Amino acid sequence: MESYERIIDKVVGDVKKEITATNVQEMDALCRYASHNISYDLSSLGVENVVEDISEVTTIPYSHSFVIVKTFEGPVLYYLIDITYSQFVPAKNKQLRIFDAWPSEELKKSQSGELLLNRLLENGYSQVDDKLLSLYLKSFDPHVEIIFTLEDLFFTEEKKNVK
């Protein structure tokens, strides 16, 4: 199998092109569509992945979908795919809804969070570990406690283990 990052790059690029071709100006509400298309394409190439929603894996009362990829060749690695995270970056004519602060601004509070943010905005994905996944989820609500691992997302339906 070609490298996971090459496969992810191609699939993410294809879905981004598809979205761009529709002339959609806002990424709001496209996360579910994009995540499911990416997941389907990755699955058809034999790449194990799960589509998650922050409202299902945390107590955050906001729906936002993303994809987690698990690799099996060589050391086990995980990738977070969220090509619509740009909707959580402040911009002119954009109002903050639901959250106390812009999620992107929360990620910028740490060096590893800022690196994750840059990778999501530039590539639409980033390699992650449990700490980075926690930073990502906490960008939506810094007070939520994450008590599951990336591995748990692949082996249990009882994902909502949040205090």
Protein backbone atom coordinates (compact mmCIF):
# COMPACT_ATOMS: atom_id res chain seq x y z
CA MET A 1 0.00 0.00 0.00
CA GLU A 2 1.30 3.45 -0.79
CA SER A 3 2.00 5.68 2.18
CA TYR A 4 -0.97 6.66 4.31
CA GLU A 5 -0.16 10.36 3.99
CA ARG A 6 -0.17 10.13 0.18
CA ILE A 7 -3.54 8.40 0.26
CA ILE A 8 -4.95 10.92 2.74
CA ASP A 9 -3.55 13.81 0.65
CA LYS A 10 -5.24 12.48 -2.47
CA VAL A 11 -8.60 11.76 -0.84
CA VAL A 12 -8.65 15.08 1.05
CA GLY A 13 -7.63 16.93 -2.12
CA ASP A 14 -10.38 15.27 -4.14
CA VAL A 15 -13.09 16.13 -1.61
CA LYS A 16 -11.80 19.72 -1.30
CA LYS A 17 -11.98 20.06 -5.10
CA GLU A 18 -15.51 18.68 -5.09
CA ILE A 19 -16.58 21.21 -2.46
CA THR A 20 -14.79 24.06 -4.23
CA ALA A 21 -16.48 23.15 -7.52
CA THR A 22 -19.86 23.74 -5.89
CA ASN A 23 -18.85 27.37 -5.16
CA VAL A 24 -19.76 27.03 -1.51
CA GLN A 25 -18.48 30.06 0.35
CA GLU A 26 -18.99 28.83 3.91
CA MET A 27 -17.78 25.59 5.45
CA ASP A 28 -20.55 25.58 8.05
CA ALA A 29 -22.63 22.40 7.84
CA LEU A 30 -20.29 20.83 5.28
CA CYS A 31 -18.32 18.92 7.89
CA ARG A 32 -20.65 15.92 7.92
CA TYR A 33 -20.79 15.75 4.11
CA ALA A 34 -17.01 16.09 3.77
CA SER A 35 -16.23 13.65 6.59
CA HIS A 36 -18.50 10.94 5.25
CA ASN A 37 -17.17 11.33 1.71
CA ILE A 38 -13.58 11.19 2.95
CA SER A 39 -14.39 8.17 5.11
CA TYR A 40 -16.06 6.34 2.22
CA ASP A 41 -13.15 7.03 -0.13
CA LEU A 42 -10.57 5.97 2.46
CA SER A 43 -12.51 2.79 3.27
CA SER A 44 -12.69 1.89 -0.41
CA LEU A 45 -8.88 2.09 -0.47
CA GLY A 46 -8.58 -0.19 2.57
CA VAL A 47 -7.76 2.55 5.09
CA GLU A 48 -9.35 2.01 8.50
CA ASN A 49 -11.13 5.12 9.75
CA VAL A 50 -14.05 6.34 11.83
CA VAL A 51 -16.24 9.40 11.47
CA GLU A 52 -16.85 11.10 14.80
CA ASP A 53 -18.87 14.07 15.96
CA ILE A 54 -17.80 16.25 18.86
CA SER A 55 -21.33 16.12 20.24
CA GLU A 56 -21.10 12.32 20.45
CA VAL A 57 -17.64 12.00 22.02
CA THR A 58 -17.91 14.96 24.40
CA THR A 59 -20.57 16.86 26.30
CA ILE A 60 -20.21 19.80 23.93
CA PRO A 61 -23.69 20.66 22.62
CA TYR A 62 -22.50 21.37 19.08
CA SER A 63 -22.35 19.03 16.12
CA HIS A 64 -19.11 18.96 14.12
CA SER A 65 -17.83 15.91 12.24
CA PHE A 66 -14.26 14.82 11.66
CA VAL A 67 -12.42 11.64 10.63
CA ILE A 68 -9.79 9.63 12.50
CA VAL A 69 -7.54 7.31 10.49
CA LYS A 70 -5.60 4.43 12.04
CA THR A 71 -2.57 3.02 10.24
CA PHE A 72 -1.41 -0.58 10.48
CA GLU A 73 1.80 -0.71 8.45
CA GLY A 74 4.79 -0.02 10.67
CA PRO A 75 4.03 1.70 13.96
CA VAL A 76 0.36 2.46 14.59
CA LEU A 77 -0.28 6.11 13.80
CA TYR A 78 -3.46 8.18 13.89
CA TYR A 79 -4.53 11.07 11.69
CA LEU A 80 -7.23 13.64 12.37
CA ILE A 81 -8.96 14.88 9.21
CA ASP A 82 -11.04 18.03 9.40
CA ILE A 83 -11.09 19.96 6.14
CA THR A 84 -13.73 22.38 7.44
CA TYR A 85 -11.92 23.58 10.58
CA SER A 86 -11.42 26.98 8.86
CA GLN A 87 -15.00 27.85 9.87
CA PHE A 88 -13.68 28.19 13.44
CA VAL A 89 -11.12 30.89 12.54
CA PRO A 90 -12.14 34.52 13.07
CA ALA A 91 -12.66 36.52 9.87
CA LYS A 92 -14.38 39.68 8.77
CA ASN A 93 -18.16 39.37 8.56
CA LYS A 94 -18.09 36.23 10.69
CA GLN A 95 -19.76 36.04 14.07
CA LEU A 96 -18.81 33.72 16.88
CA ARG A 97 -21.69 31.39 17.61
CA ILE A 98 -22.17 28.94 20.44
CA PHE A 99 -18.59 29.07 21.73
CA ASP A 100 -17.07 31.37 24.34
CA ALA A 101 -14.00 31.88 22.13
CA TRP A 102 -12.97 31.01 18.61
CA PRO A 103 -11.76 27.38 18.66
CA SER A 104 -8.74 28.32 16.54
CA GLU A 105 -7.72 30.88 19.16
CA GLU A 106 -7.88 28.15 21.82
CA LEU A 107 -5.51 25.99 19.77
CA LYS A 108 -3.07 28.90 19.45
CA LYS A 109 -2.57 28.92 23.22
CA SER A 110 0.03 26.14 22.98
CA GLN A 111 2.83 25.43 20.55
CA SER A 112 1.53 21.95 19.75
CA GLY A 113 -2.01 23.33 19.35
CA GLU A 114 -0.79 26.00 16.95
CA LEU A 115 1.08 23.38 14.92
CA LEU A 116 -2.11 21.27 14.78
CA LEU A 117 -4.12 24.32 13.69
CA ASN A 118 -1.65 25.15 10.92
CA ARG A 119 -1.70 21.57 9.62
CA LEU A 120 -5.50 21.45 9.63
CA LEU A 121 -5.76 24.76 7.79
CA GLU A 122 -3.00 23.96 5.27
CA ASN A 123 -3.55 20.25 4.67
CA GLY A 124 -6.96 19.44 6.13
CA TYR A 125 -5.38 16.77 8.35
CA SER A 126 -2.64 16.13 10.88
CA GLN A 127 -1.01 13.19 12.54
CA VAL A 128 -2.24 13.13 16.15
CA ASP A 129 -1.81 11.35 19.42
CA ASP A 130 -4.14 11.33 22.41
CA LYS A 131 -2.80 14.68 23.64
CA LEU A 132 -3.37 16.40 20.29
CA LEU A 133 -6.86 14.93 19.93
CA SER A 134 -7.63 16.28 23.39
CA LEU A 135 -6.32 19.75 22.40
CA TYR A 136 -8.48 19.63 19.28
CA LEU A 137 -11.64 18.70 21.21
CA LYS A 138 -10.86 21.19 23.99
CA SER A 139 -10.59 23.95 21.38
CA PHE A 140 -14.38 23.78 21.25
CA ASP A 141 -14.71 23.79 25.06
CA PRO A 142 -11.57 24.09 27.20
CA HIS A 143 -13.41 22.74 30.26
CA VAL A 144 -14.44 19.39 28.82
CA GLU A 145 -12.55 16.41 30.23
CA ILE A 146 -11.53 13.77 27.71
CA ILE A 147 -11.19 10.30 29.25
CA PHE A 148 -10.90 8.10 26.18
CA THR A 149 -8.06 7.35 23.78
CA LEU A 150 -7.77 7.28 20.03
CA GLU A 151 -7.71 3.49 20.25
CA ASP A 152 -11.04 3.56 22.10
CA LEU A 153 -12.67 5.23 19.10
CA PHE A 154 -11.99 2.10 17.05
CA PHE A 155 -12.99 -0.52 19.61
CA THR A 156 -16.01 0.72 21.50
CA GLU A 157 -19.39 2.23 20.93
CA GLU A 158 -19.29 3.63 24.43
CA LYS A 159 -17.35 6.68 23.33
CA LYS A 160 -19.14 9.24 25.42
CA ASN A 161 -16.89 8.74 28.44
CA VAL A 162 -16.63 12.39 29.35
CA LYS A 163 -17.08 13.88 32.80
